[in-house]
Amino acid sequence: MADDTEKPVRPPHWLDPIIEAYKKDVDLTQLRENLKLTPDQRLAKLEGLLADAEEFRRAMKAAKSNQGARADDAVS
């Protein structure tokens, strides 16, 4: 049985200064829009983001390879 005399871990008015400093950089609009989605929709969105990141990674690798090949051609 819970003891009603237990005190909270920290008072409700307590604010973490580090968290408060980062709050100004959080876009609440995007957070709210994401929370409107179902968990499945959020996962699908995340999977799409990961697929885009992988495609970007491959494109950067190909661009670097092509850049190295062009530099070799210029030297020859």
PDB file of N, CA and C in Angstrom:
ATOM      1  N   MET A   1       0.840  -1.175   0.000  1.00  0.00           N
ATOM      2  CA  MET A   1       0.000   0.000   0.000  1.00  0.00           C
ATOM      3  C   MET A   1       0.889   1.244   0.000  1.00  0.00           C
ATOM      4  N   ALA A   2       0.517   2.237  -0.788  1.00  0.00           N
ATOM      5  CA  ALA A   2       1.318   3.458  -0.904  1.00  0.00           C
ATOM      6  C   ALA A   2       1.143   4.320   0.331  1.00  0.00           C
ATOM      7  N   ASP A   3       2.223   4.893   0.765  1.00  0.00           N
ATOM      8  CA  ASP A   3       2.206   5.798   1.913  1.00  0.00           C
ATOM      9  C   ASP A   3       1.939   7.209   1.405  1.00  0.00           C
ATOM     10  N   ASP A   4       0.831   7.823   1.821  1.00  0.00           N
ATOM     11  CA  ASP A   4       0.463   9.160   1.356  1.00  0.00           C
ATOM     12  C   ASP A   4       1.398  10.242   1.868  1.00  0.00           C
ATOM     13  N   THR A   5       2.231   9.922   2.848  1.00  0.00           N
ATOM     14  CA  THR A   5       3.134  10.920   3.404  1.00  0.00           C
ATOM     15  C   THR A   5       4.450  10.998   2.649  1.00  0.00           C
ATOM     16  N   GLU A   6       4.648  10.116   1.642  1.00  0.00           N
ATOM     17  CA  GLU A   6       5.886  10.156   0.859  1.00  0.00           C
ATOM     18  C   GLU A   6       5.975  11.465   0.099  1.00  0.00           C
ATOM     19  N   LYS A   7       7.170  12.028   0.061  1.00  0.00           N
ATOM     20  CA  LYS A   7       7.387  13.270  -0.670  1.00  0.00           C
ATOM     21  C   LYS A   7       7.857  12.946  -2.080  1.00  0.00           C
ATOM     22  N   PRO A   8       7.515  13.784  -3.056  1.00  0.00           N
ATOM     23  CA  PRO A   8       7.996  13.547  -4.427  1.00  0.00           C
ATOM     24  C   PRO A   8       9.525  13.619  -4.468  1.00  0.00           C
ATOM     25  N   VAL A   9      10.079  13.006  -5.482  1.00  0.00           N
ATOM     26  CA  VAL A   9      11.527  12.997  -5.643  1.00  0.00           C
ATOM     27  C   VAL A   9      12.065  14.410  -5.694  1.00  0.00           C
ATOM     28  N   ARG A  10      11.372  15.285  -6.398  1.00  0.00           N
ATOM     29  CA  ARG A  10      11.766  16.694  -6.422  1.00  0.00           C
ATOM     30  C   ARG A  10      10.483  17.526  -6.404  1.00  0.00           C
ATOM     31  N   PRO A  11      10.556  18.703  -5.869  1.00  0.00           N
ATOM     32  CA  PRO A  11       9.357  19.541  -5.791  1.00  0.00           C
ATOM     33  C   PRO A  11       8.817  19.858  -7.184  1.00  0.00           C
ATOM     34  N   PRO A  12       7.502  20.018  -7.319  1.00  0.00           N
ATOM     35  CA  PRO A  12       6.918  20.284  -8.639  1.00  0.00           C
ATOM     36  C   PRO A  12       7.387  21.599  -9.252  1.00  0.00           C
ATOM     37  N   HIS A  13       7.831  22.545  -8.461  1.00  0.00           N
ATOM     38  CA  HIS A  13       8.281  23.825  -8.998  1.00  0.00           C
ATOM     39  C   HIS A  13       9.749  23.783  -9.444  1.00  0.00           C
ATOM     40  N   TRP A  14      10.426  22.685  -9.217  1.00  0.00           N
ATOM     41  CA  TRP A  14      11.841  22.565  -9.561  1.00  0.00           C
ATOM     42  C   TRP A  14      12.007  22.464 -11.071  1.00  0.00           C
ATOM     43  N   LEU A  15      12.914  23.232 -11.626  1.00  0.00           N
ATOM     44  CA  LEU A  15      13.199  23.194 -13.062  1.00  0.00           C
ATOM     45  C   LEU A  15      14.677  22.917 -13.263  1.00  0.00           C
ATOM     46  N   ASP A  16      14.958  22.010 -14.166  1.00  0.00           N
ATOM     47  CA  ASP A  16      16.349  21.697 -14.495  1.00  0.00           C
ATOM     48  C   ASP A  16      16.862  22.787 -15.432  1.00  0.00           C
ATOM     49  N   PRO A  17      17.878  23.535 -15.034  1.00  0.00           N
ATOM     50  CA  PRO A  17      18.360  24.639 -15.874  1.00  0.00           C
ATOM     51  C   PRO A  17      18.877  24.175 -17.235  1.00  0.00           C
ATOM     52  N   ILE A  18      19.429  22.997 -17.311  1.00  0.00           N
ATOM     53  CA  ILE A  18      19.930  22.496 -18.600  1.00  0.00           C
ATOM     54  C   ILE A  18      18.767  22.213 -19.537  1.00  0.00           C
ATOM     55  N   ILE A  19      17.731  21.558 -19.021  1.00  0.00           N
ATOM     56  CA  ILE A  19      16.556  21.276 -19.852  1.00  0.00           C
ATOM     57  C   ILE A  19      15.909  22.588 -20.288  1.00  0.00           C
ATOM     58  N   GLU A  20      15.802  23.522 -19.389  1.00  0.00           N
ATOM     59  CA  GLU A  20      15.205  24.818 -19.725  1.00  0.00           C
ATOM     60  C   GLU A  20      16.010  25.533 -20.809  1.00  0.00           C
ATOM     61  N   ALA A  21      17.324  25.415 -20.786  1.00  0.00           N
ATOM     62  CA  ALA A  21      18.167  26.050 -21.803  1.00  0.00           C
ATOM     63  C   ALA A  21      17.929  25.438 -23.179  1.00  0.00           C
ATOM     64  N   TYR A  22      17.696  24.130 -23.242  1.00  0.00           N
ATOM     65  CA  TYR A  22      17.467  23.473 -24.530  1.00  0.00           C
ATOM     66  C   TYR A  22      16.043  23.677 -25.046  1.00  0.00           C
ATOM     67  N   LYS A  23      15.091  23.937 -24.186  1.00  0.00           N
ATOM     68  CA  LYS A  23      13.691  24.073 -24.595  1.00  0.00           C
ATOM     69  C   LYS A  23      13.499  25.134 -25.671  1.00  0.00           C
ATOM     70  N   LYS A  24      14.289  26.198 -25.626  1.00  0.00           N
ATOM     71  CA  LYS A  24      14.108  27.277 -26.598  1.00  0.00           C
ATOM     72  C   LYS A  24      14.430  26.825 -28.018  1.00  0.00           C
ATOM     73  N   ASP A  25      15.176  25.733 -28.161  1.00  0.00           N
ATOM     74  CA  ASP A  25      15.566  25.237 -29.478  1.00  0.00           C
ATOM     75  C   ASP A  25      14.661  24.122 -29.992  1.00  0.00           C
ATOM     76  N   VAL A  26      13.622  23.776 -29.245  1.00  0.00           N
ATOM     77  CA  VAL A  26      12.727  22.686 -29.638  1.00  0.00           C
ATOM     78  C   VAL A  26      11.546  23.257 -30.411  1.00  0.00           C
ATOM     79  N   ASP A  27      11.306  22.702 -31.603  1.00  0.00           N
ATOM     80  CA  ASP A  27      10.173  23.123 -32.423  1.00  0.00           C
ATOM     81  C   ASP A  27       8.942  22.333 -31.977  1.00  0.00           C
ATOM     82  N   LEU A  28       8.102  22.941 -31.180  1.00  0.00           N
ATOM     83  CA  LEU A  28       6.929  22.257 -30.651  1.00  0.00           C
ATOM     84  C   LEU A  28       5.910  21.936 -31.733  1.00  0.00           C
ATOM     85  N   THR A  29       5.905  22.698 -32.818  1.00  0.00           N
ATOM     86  CA  THR A  29       4.988  22.426 -33.921  1.00  0.00           C
ATOM     87  C   THR A  29       5.249  21.040 -34.494  1.00  0.00           C
ATOM     88  N   GLN A  30       6.505  20.749 -34.767  1.00  0.00           N
ATOM     89  CA  GLN A  30       6.849  19.434 -35.314  1.00  0.00           C
ATOM     90  C   GLN A  30       6.559  18.327 -34.312  1.00  0.00           C
ATOM     91  N   LEU A  31       6.822  18.580 -33.055  1.00  0.00           N
ATOM     92  CA  LEU A  31       6.552  17.592 -32.018  1.00  0.00           C
ATOM     93  C   LEU A  31       5.066  17.285 -31.933  1.00  0.00           C
ATOM     94  N   ARG A  32       4.248  18.328 -31.947  1.00  0.00           N
ATOM     95  CA  ARG A  32       2.796  18.126 -31.889  1.00  0.00           C
ATOM     96  C   ARG A  32       2.282  17.370 -33.118  1.00  0.00           C
ATOM     97  N   GLU A  33       2.798  17.734 -34.299  1.00  0.00           N
ATOM     98  CA  GLU A  33       2.371  17.052 -35.525  1.00  0.00           C
ATOM     99  C   GLU A  33       2.742  15.570 -35.472  1.00  0.00           C
ATOM    100  N   ASN A  34       3.921  15.272 -34.968  1.00  0.00           N
ATOM    101  CA  ASN A  34       4.357  13.885 -34.873  1.00  0.00           C
ATOM    102  C   ASN A  34       3.493  13.106 -33.881  1.00  0.00           C
ATOM    103  N   LEU A  35       3.089  13.756 -32.800  1.00  0.00           N
ATOM    104  CA  LEU A  35       2.268  13.072 -31.795  1.00  0.00           C
ATOM    105  C   LEU A  35       0.842  12.817 -32.283  1.00  0.00           C
ATOM    106  N   LYS A  36       0.424  13.505 -33.342  1.00  0.00           N
ATOM    107  CA  LYS A  36      -0.889  13.236 -33.934  1.00  0.00           C
ATOM    108  C   LYS A  36      -0.896  11.913 -34.699  1.00  0.00           C
ATOM    109  N   LEU A  37       0.292  11.440 -35.078  1.00  0.00           N
ATOM    110  CA  LEU A  37       0.398  10.205 -35.845  1.00  0.00           C
ATOM    111  C   LEU A  37       0.256   8.987 -34.931  1.00  0.00           C
ATOM    112  N   THR A  38      -0.191   7.897 -35.520  1.00  0.00           N
ATOM    113  CA  THR A  38      -0.239   6.645 -34.770  1.00  0.00           C
ATOM    114  C   THR A  38       1.183   6.107 -34.641  1.00  0.00           C
ATOM    115  N   PRO A  39       1.428   5.198 -33.708  1.00  0.00           N
ATOM    116  CA  PRO A  39       2.772   4.608 -33.609  1.00  0.00           C
ATOM    117  C   PRO A  39       3.236   3.983 -34.927  1.00  0.00           C
ATOM    118  N   ASP A  40       2.332   3.324 -35.648  1.00  0.00           N
ATOM    119  CA  ASP A  40       2.706   2.734 -36.938  1.00  0.00           C
ATOM    120  C   ASP A  40       3.102   3.811 -37.950  1.00  0.00           C
ATOM    121  N   GLN A  41       2.375   4.921 -37.954  1.00  0.00           N
ATOM    122  CA  GLN A  41       2.711   6.016 -38.864  1.00  0.00           C
ATOM    123  C   GLN A  41       4.062   6.629 -38.499  1.00  0.00           C
ATOM    124  N   ARG A  42       4.327   6.737 -37.211  1.00  0.00           N
ATOM    125  CA  ARG A  42       5.624   7.275 -36.777  1.00  0.00           C
ATOM    126  C   ARG A  42       6.758   6.356 -37.198  1.00  0.00           C
ATOM    127  N   LEU A  43       6.544   5.046 -37.071  1.00  0.00           N
ATOM    128  CA  LEU A  43       7.581   4.099 -37.498  1.00  0.00           C
ATOM    129  C   LEU A  43       7.807   4.171 -39.002  1.00  0.00           C
ATOM    130  N   ALA A  44       6.717   4.287 -39.767  1.00  0.00           N
ATOM    131  CA  ALA A  44       6.846   4.400 -41.218  1.00  0.00           C
ATOM    132  C   ALA A  44       7.613   5.666 -41.583  1.00  0.00           C
ATOM    133  N   LYS A  45       7.344   6.752 -40.881  1.00  0.00           N
ATOM    134  CA  LYS A  45       8.052   8.014 -41.118  1.00  0.00           C
ATOM    135  C   LYS A  45       9.538   7.850 -40.802  1.00  0.00           C
ATOM    136  N   LEU A  46       9.841   7.173 -39.702  1.00  0.00           N
ATOM    137  CA  LEU A  46      11.226   6.928 -39.321  1.00  0.00           C
ATOM    138  C   LEU A  46      11.926   6.045 -40.348  1.00  0.00           C
ATOM    139  N   GLU A  47      11.244   5.001 -40.813  1.00  0.00           N
ATOM    140  CA  GLU A  47      11.842   4.127 -41.827  1.00  0.00           C
ATOM    141  C   GLU A  47      12.133   4.905 -43.111  1.00  0.00           C
ATOM    142  N   GLY A  48      11.232   5.807 -43.492  1.00  0.00           N
ATOM    143  CA  GLY A  48      11.471   6.638 -44.667  1.00  0.00           C
ATOM    144  C   GLY A  48      12.680   7.541 -44.474  1.00  0.00           C
ATOM    145  N   LEU A  49      12.808   8.098 -43.287  1.00  0.00           N
ATOM    146  CA  LEU A  49      13.957   8.945 -42.974  1.00  0.00           C
ATOM    147  C   LEU A  49      15.256   8.144 -43.040  1.00  0.00           C
ATOM    148  N   LEU A  50      15.239   6.935 -42.504  1.00  0.00           N
ATOM    149  CA  LEU A  50      16.434   6.087 -42.535  1.00  0.00           C
ATOM    150  C   LEU A  50      16.794   5.694 -43.969  1.00  0.00           C
ATOM    151  N   ALA A  51      15.784   5.431 -44.797  1.00  0.00           N
ATOM    152  CA  ALA A  51      16.034   5.089 -46.203  1.00  0.00           C
ATOM    153  C   ALA A  51      16.646   6.292 -46.923  1.00  0.00           C
ATOM    154  N   ASP A  52      16.126   7.486 -46.641  1.00  0.00           N
ATOM    155  CA  ASP A  52      16.690   8.704 -47.250  1.00  0.00           C
ATOM    156  C   ASP A  52      18.132   8.921 -46.810  1.00  0.00           C
ATOM    157  N   ALA A  53      18.405   8.671 -45.531  1.00  0.00           N
ATOM    158  CA  ALA A  53      19.772   8.844 -45.021  1.00  0.00           C
ATOM    159  C   ALA A  53      20.724   7.853 -45.692  1.00  0.00           C
ATOM    160  N   GLU A  54      20.280   6.631 -45.882  1.00  0.00           N
ATOM    161  CA  GLU A  54      21.121   5.626 -46.543  1.00  0.00           C
ATOM    162  C   GLU A  54      21.368   6.010 -48.000  1.00  0.00           C
ATOM    163  N   GLU A  55      20.344   6.503 -48.677  1.00  0.00           N
ATOM    164  CA  GLU A  55      20.502   6.945 -50.068  1.00  0.00           C
ATOM    165  C   GLU A  55      21.494   8.110 -50.148  1.00  0.00           C
ATOM    166  N   PHE A  56      21.398   9.044 -49.207  1.00  0.00           N
ATOM    167  CA  PHE A  56      22.325  10.170 -49.164  1.00  0.00           C
ATOM    168  C   PHE A  56      23.749   9.676 -48.932  1.00  0.00           C
ATOM    169  N   ARG A  57      23.906   8.715 -48.032  1.00  0.00           N
ATOM    170  CA  ARG A  57      25.229   8.152 -47.738  1.00  0.00           C
ATOM    171  C   ARG A  57      25.845   7.508 -48.985  1.00  0.00           C
ATOM    172  N   ARG A  58      25.013   6.754 -49.717  1.00  0.00           N
ATOM    173  CA  ARG A  58      25.500   6.118 -50.961  1.00  0.00           C
ATOM    174  C   ARG A  58      25.878   7.173 -51.992  1.00  0.00           C
ATOM    175  N   ALA A  59      25.054   8.220 -52.110  1.00  0.00           N
ATOM    176  CA  ALA A  59      25.338   9.274 -53.089  1.00  0.00           C
ATOM    177  C   ALA A  59      26.635   9.994 -52.747  1.00  0.00           C
ATOM    178  N   MET A  60      26.856  10.251 -51.467  1.00  0.00           N
ATOM    179  CA  MET A  60      28.102  10.907 -51.059  1.00  0.00           C
ATOM    180  C   MET A  60      29.307  10.022 -51.341  1.00  0.00           C
ATOM    181  N   LYS A  61      29.156   8.730 -51.095  1.00  0.00           N
ATOM    182  CA  LYS A  61      30.263   7.798 -51.363  1.00  0.00           C
ATOM    183  C   LYS A  61      30.562   7.753 -52.859  1.00  0.00           C
ATOM    184  N   ALA A  62      29.514   7.718 -53.683  1.00  0.00           N
ATOM    185  CA  ALA A  62      29.704   7.697 -55.138  1.00  0.00           C
ATOM    186  C   ALA A  62      30.339   9.000 -55.617  1.00  0.00           C
ATOM    187  N   ALA A  63      29.905  10.119 -55.042  1.00  0.00           N
ATOM    188  CA  ALA A  63      30.467  11.415 -55.444  1.00  0.00           C
ATOM    189  C   ALA A  63      31.947  11.488 -55.089  1.00  0.00           C
ATOM    190  N   LYS A  64      32.304  10.971 -53.925  1.00  0.00           N
ATOM    191  CA  LYS A  64      33.714  10.983 -53.523  1.00  0.00           C
ATOM    192  C   LYS A  64      34.538  10.081 -54.430  1.00  0.00           C
ATOM    193  N   SER A  65      33.971   8.944 -54.806  1.00  0.00           N
ATOM    194  CA  SER A  65      34.676   8.038 -55.719  1.00  0.00           C
ATOM    195  C   SER A  65      34.877   8.693 -57.077  1.00  0.00           C
ATOM    196  N   ASN A  66      33.843   9.354 -57.582  1.00  0.00           N
ATOM    197  CA  ASN A  66      33.940  10.040 -58.869  1.00  0.00           C
ATOM    198  C   ASN A  66      34.915  11.200 -58.807  1.00  0.00           C
ATOM    199  N   GLN A  67      34.951  11.894 -57.698  1.00  0.00           N
ATOM    200  CA  GLN A  67      35.869  13.004 -57.538  1.00  0.00           C
ATOM    201  C   GLN A  67      37.314  12.507 -57.561  1.00  0.00           C
ATOM    202  N   GLY A  68      37.569  11.384 -56.908  1.00  0.00           N
ATOM    203  CA  GLY A  68      38.904  10.800 -56.914  1.00  0.00           C
ATOM    204  C   GLY A  68      39.299  10.329 -58.300  1.00  0.00           C
ATOM    205  N   ALA A  69      38.347   9.759 -59.051  1.00  0.00           N
ATOM    206  CA  ALA A  69      38.618   9.295 -60.404  1.00  0.00           C
ATOM    207  C   ALA A  69      38.926  10.471 -61.324  1.00  0.00           C
ATOM    208  N   ARG A  70      38.216  11.587 -61.169  1.00  0.00           N
ATOM    209  CA  ARG A  70      38.475  12.765 -61.989  1.00  0.00           C
ATOM    210  C   ARG A  70      39.837  13.368 -61.667  1.00  0.00           C
ATOM    211  N   ALA A  71      40.206  13.319 -60.408  1.00  0.00           N
ATOM    212  CA  ALA A  71      41.526  13.850 -60.031  1.00  0.00           C
ATOM    213  C   ALA A  71      42.633  12.995 -60.643  1.00  0.00           C
ATOM    214  N   ASP A  72      42.417  11.672 -60.705  1.00  0.00           N
ATOM    215  CA  ASP A  72      43.400  10.780 -61.331  1.00  0.00           C
ATOM    216  C   ASP A  72      43.497  11.057 -62.820  1.00  0.00           C
ATOM    217  N   ASP A  73      42.371  11.316 -63.478  1.00  0.00           N
ATOM    218  CA  ASP A  73      42.368  11.625 -64.910  1.00  0.00           C
ATOM    219  C   ASP A  73      43.102  12.916 -65.199  1.00  0.00           C
ATOM    220  N   ALA A  74      42.982  13.897 -64.324  1.00  0.00           N
ATOM    221  CA  ALA A  74      43.620  15.198 -64.534  1.00  0.00           C
ATOM    222  C   ALA A  74      45.129  15.064 -64.428  1.00  0.00           C
ATOM    223  N   VAL A  75      45.607  14.156 -63.596  1.00  0.00           N
ATOM    224  CA  VAL A  75      47.054  13.974 -63.410  1.00  0.00           C
ATOM    225  C   VAL A  75      47.663  13.252 -64.597  1.00  0.00           C
ATOM    226  N   SER A  76      46.920  12.321 -65.209  1.00  0.00           N
ATOM    227  CA  SER A  76      47.472  11.514 -66.314  1.00  0.00           C
ATOM    228  C   SER A  76      47.710  12.298 -67.553  1.00  0.00           C
TER     229      SER A  76
END
